[in-house]
């Protein structure tokens, strides 16, 4: 039994767009780790990277991941600035079903060029070369995912159907969120004690 669905993949692969729509289709919450980092530091992601440097940025990202993987019924999109190491993917798989999101190089180049300056590690003087290198670095990570979806040509609605089909085929079940009752557990226990 899993808690969440986590989408990982290169920048520009379409994680955020697909993730939002998948969460809406399932009636779950959508979480974007880059947006959480921006809220924590009150800075755009590119400025956080510049301020912290790569090592501390990755540490901050890992801390966010540890927190969000304990959520329930969430679709979580993980920033694609760096490939996750295999150890991190294995840790996340304890709690979540991991879907790798990928797209053809030309599609990623086109998507990245739409948002010049927004991606902290991108070399905008050679986007095509950077994307090619980035995709090579992501290859071993995709092999560790529970499944991989290609967003190059697929319509969002069709991709969501494919994901639901894969989850059903693999017999994946998700732990449900407990409904909020407004009473904290320790208050509930103390009330029970008083009645005894």
Protein backbone atom coordinates (compact mmCIF):
# COMPACT_ATOMS: atom_id res chain seq x y z
CA UNK A 1 0.00 0.00 0.00
CA UNK A 2 1.30 3.46 -0.97
CA UNK A 3 0.53 6.95 0.28
CA UNK A 4 1.06 9.10 -2.82
CA UNK A 5 1.99 9.27 -6.48
CA UNK A 6 5.31 11.00 -7.14
CA UNK A 7 6.21 12.29 -10.61
CA UNK A 8 9.90 12.62 -11.39
CA UNK A 9 11.73 13.49 -14.59
CA UNK A 10 13.72 16.09 -16.46
CA UNK A 11 12.78 19.73 -16.42
CA UNK A 12 10.34 20.46 -19.25
CA UNK A 13 8.99 16.91 -19.32
CA UNK A 14 5.49 18.04 -18.31
CA UNK A 15 5.34 16.88 -14.68
CA UNK A 16 3.52 19.92 -13.30
CA UNK A 17 0.85 20.05 -16.01
CA UNK A 18 0.16 16.31 -15.88
CA UNK A 19 0.39 16.27 -12.08
CA UNK A 20 -2.21 19.00 -11.59
CA UNK A 21 -4.64 17.27 -13.92
CA UNK A 22 -4.03 13.82 -12.43
CA UNK A 23 -4.62 15.19 -8.91
CA UNK A 24 -7.85 16.83 -10.04
CA UNK A 25 -9.04 13.60 -11.70
CA UNK A 26 -8.37 11.62 -8.49
CA UNK A 27 -9.74 14.29 -6.12
CA UNK A 28 -6.31 14.52 -4.47
CA UNK A 29 -4.09 17.47 -3.62
CA UNK A 30 -1.28 18.52 -5.97
CA UNK A 31 2.14 19.36 -4.53
CA UNK A 32 5.09 20.88 -6.43
CA UNK A 33 8.38 20.63 -4.51
CA UNK A 34 9.85 23.67 -6.30
CA UNK A 35 6.89 25.80 -5.15
CA UNK A 36 7.37 24.53 -1.58
CA UNK A 37 11.04 25.55 -1.72
CA UNK A 38 10.06 28.98 -3.04
CA UNK A 39 7.62 29.44 -0.17
CA UNK A 40 10.19 28.31 2.39
CA UNK A 41 12.85 30.77 1.20
CA UNK A 42 10.47 33.43 -0.17
CA UNK A 43 12.52 33.50 -3.38
CA UNK A 44 12.16 32.21 -6.96
CA UNK A 45 13.76 28.79 -7.47
CA UNK A 46 16.62 30.23 -9.59
CA UNK A 47 17.52 32.69 -6.78
CA UNK A 48 17.42 29.91 -4.16
CA UNK A 49 19.87 27.88 -6.22
CA UNK A 50 22.16 30.89 -6.64
CA UNK A 51 22.00 31.69 -2.92
CA UNK A 52 22.53 28.15 -1.61
CA UNK A 53 24.76 26.58 -4.27
CA UNK A 54 24.18 23.10 -5.71
CA UNK A 55 25.09 21.07 -2.61
CA UNK A 56 22.85 22.97 -0.18
CA UNK A 57 20.07 23.26 -2.78
CA UNK A 58 19.99 19.48 -3.14
CA UNK A 59 19.99 19.08 0.65
CA UNK A 60 17.02 21.47 0.94
CA UNK A 61 15.22 19.57 -1.83
CA UNK A 62 15.80 16.23 -0.06
CA UNK A 63 14.38 17.65 3.19
CA UNK A 64 11.24 18.75 1.34
CA UNK A 65 10.95 15.28 -0.25
CA UNK A 66 11.17 13.53 3.12
CA UNK A 67 8.34 15.70 4.39
CA UNK A 68 5.98 15.39 1.42
CA UNK A 69 6.41 11.63 0.97
CA UNK A 70 4.58 11.25 4.31
CA UNK A 71 1.47 12.99 2.92
CA UNK A 72 -1.58 10.95 1.92
CA UNK A 73 -3.49 11.02 -1.37
CA UNK A 74 -1.22 13.57 -3.04
CA UNK A 75 0.24 13.83 -6.52
CA UNK A 76 3.74 15.22 -5.96
CA UNK A 77 5.82 16.75 -8.75
CA UNK A 78 9.56 16.79 -7.98
CA UNK A 79 11.77 19.51 -9.47
CA UNK A 80 13.76 18.32 -12.48
CA UNK A 81 16.88 20.45 -12.00
CA UNK A 82 18.90 17.36 -11.04
CA UNK A 83 18.37 13.63 -11.50
CA UNK A 84 17.47 12.00 -8.18
CA UNK A 85 20.03 9.50 -6.98
CA UNK A 86 18.92 5.87 -6.94
CA UNK A 87 19.01 5.74 -3.12
CA UNK A 88 16.51 8.60 -2.90
CA UNK A 89 14.20 6.91 -5.43
CA UNK A 90 14.27 3.69 -3.39
CA UNK A 91 13.44 5.64 -0.21
CA UNK A 92 10.50 7.37 -1.90
CA UNK A 93 9.20 4.03 -3.23
CA UNK A 94 8.52 2.90 0.32
CA UNK A 95 5.75 5.49 0.52
CA UNK A 96 4.82 6.36 -3.06
CA UNK A 97 4.25 4.98 -6.52
CA UNK A 98 6.97 6.58 -8.67
CA UNK A 99 6.07 7.61 -12.22
CA UNK A 100 8.89 8.79 -14.48
CA UNK A 101 7.78 11.53 -16.88
CA UNK A 102 9.77 11.99 -20.06
CA UNK A 103 9.44 13.65 -23.46
CA UNK A 104 11.41 13.87 -26.71
CA UNK A 105 14.41 16.22 -26.73
CA UNK A 106 12.90 18.66 -29.23
CA UNK A 107 9.75 18.98 -27.09
CA UNK A 108 11.75 19.70 -23.94
CA UNK A 109 13.88 22.30 -25.76
CA UNK A 110 10.70 24.03 -26.93
CA UNK A 111 9.17 24.01 -23.43
CA UNK A 112 12.36 25.26 -21.75
CA UNK A 113 12.76 28.11 -24.27
CA UNK A 114 9.28 29.37 -23.32
CA UNK A 115 10.53 30.16 -19.81
CA UNK A 116 13.98 31.65 -20.27
CA UNK A 117 15.70 32.44 -16.97
CA UNK A 118 13.27 30.42 -14.82
CA UNK A 119 15.31 27.22 -14.57
CA UNK A 120 18.34 27.56 -12.29
CA UNK A 121 20.71 25.05 -13.84
CA UNK A 122 19.87 25.61 -17.51
CA UNK A 123 22.56 26.85 -19.92
CA UNK A 124 20.45 29.14 -22.09
CA UNK A 125 23.35 29.71 -24.51
CA UNK A 126 23.09 26.05 -25.60
CA UNK A 127 19.67 24.73 -24.61
CA UNK A 128 19.74 21.79 -27.06
CA UNK A 129 23.17 20.62 -25.84
CA UNK A 130 22.17 21.00 -22.20
CA UNK A 131 18.94 19.05 -22.71
CA UNK A 132 20.80 16.21 -24.47
CA UNK A 133 23.28 15.90 -21.57
CA UNK A 134 20.51 16.17 -18.97
CA UNK A 135 18.52 13.37 -20.61
CA UNK A 136 21.54 11.08 -20.56
CA UNK A 137 21.96 11.74 -16.82
CA UNK A 138 18.30 10.88 -16.18
CA UNK A 139 18.36 7.52 -18.02
CA UNK A 140 19.43 5.33 -15.06
CA UNK A 141 16.83 7.02 -12.81
CA UNK A 142 13.96 6.24 -15.22
CA UNK A 143 14.93 2.55 -15.03
CA UNK A 144 14.20 2.58 -11.27
CA UNK A 145 10.68 4.07 -11.62
CA UNK A 146 7.56 1.96 -11.14
CA UNK A 147 6.46 3.07 -14.62
CA UNK A 148 7.42 5.69 -17.22
CA UNK A 149 5.02 7.91 -19.19
CA UNK A 150 6.02 9.82 -22.33
CA UNK A 151 4.27 13.20 -22.72
CA UNK A 152 5.61 14.03 -26.20
CA UNK A 153 2.41 13.36 -28.15
CA UNK A 154 -0.21 12.20 -25.65
CA UNK A 155 -3.20 14.30 -24.68
CA UNK A 156 -3.44 14.87 -20.93
CA UNK A 157 -6.77 13.02 -20.62
CA UNK A 158 -5.34 9.97 -22.42
CA UNK A 159 -2.20 9.98 -20.28
CA UNK A 160 -4.33 10.02 -17.11
CA UNK A 161 -6.32 7.05 -18.41
CA UNK A 162 -3.07 5.20 -19.11
CA UNK A 163 -1.85 5.91 -15.55
CA UNK A 164 -5.13 4.67 -14.03
CA UNK A 165 -4.86 1.53 -16.17
CA UNK A 166 -1.28 0.88 -15.02
CA UNK A 167 -2.23 1.37 -11.35
CA UNK A 168 -5.13 -1.09 -11.75
CA UNK A 169 -2.92 -3.58 -13.59
CA UNK A 170 -0.23 -3.40 -10.90
CA UNK A 171 -2.84 -3.68 -8.11
CA UNK A 172 -1.63 -0.48 -6.43
CA UNK A 173 -3.72 0.72 -3.47
CA UNK A 174 -3.33 3.96 -1.57
CA UNK A 175 -3.72 4.69 2.12
CA UNK A 176 -6.61 7.08 2.58
CA UNK A 177 -6.39 10.36 4.44
CA UNK A 178 -8.18 10.31 7.78
CA UNK A 179 -11.05 12.77 7.81
CA UNK A 180 -10.41 15.72 10.13
CA UNK A 181 -12.83 15.60 13.07
CA UNK A 182 -11.64 18.76 14.81
CA UNK A 183 -10.58 16.74 17.89
CA UNK A 184 -6.91 15.99 18.44
CA UNK A 185 -6.03 12.42 19.46
CA UNK A 186 -4.67 13.38 22.90
CA UNK A 187 -7.87 15.37 23.60
CA UNK A 188 -9.95 12.37 22.54
CA UNK A 189 -7.97 10.08 24.89
CA UNK A 190 -8.31 12.46 27.86
CA UNK A 191 -12.07 12.74 27.28
CA UNK A 192 -12.32 8.93 27.26
CA UNK A 193 -10.36 8.75 30.52
CA UNK A 194 -12.72 11.23 32.19
CA UNK A 195 -15.75 9.09 31.26
CA UNK A 196 -14.28 5.95 32.86
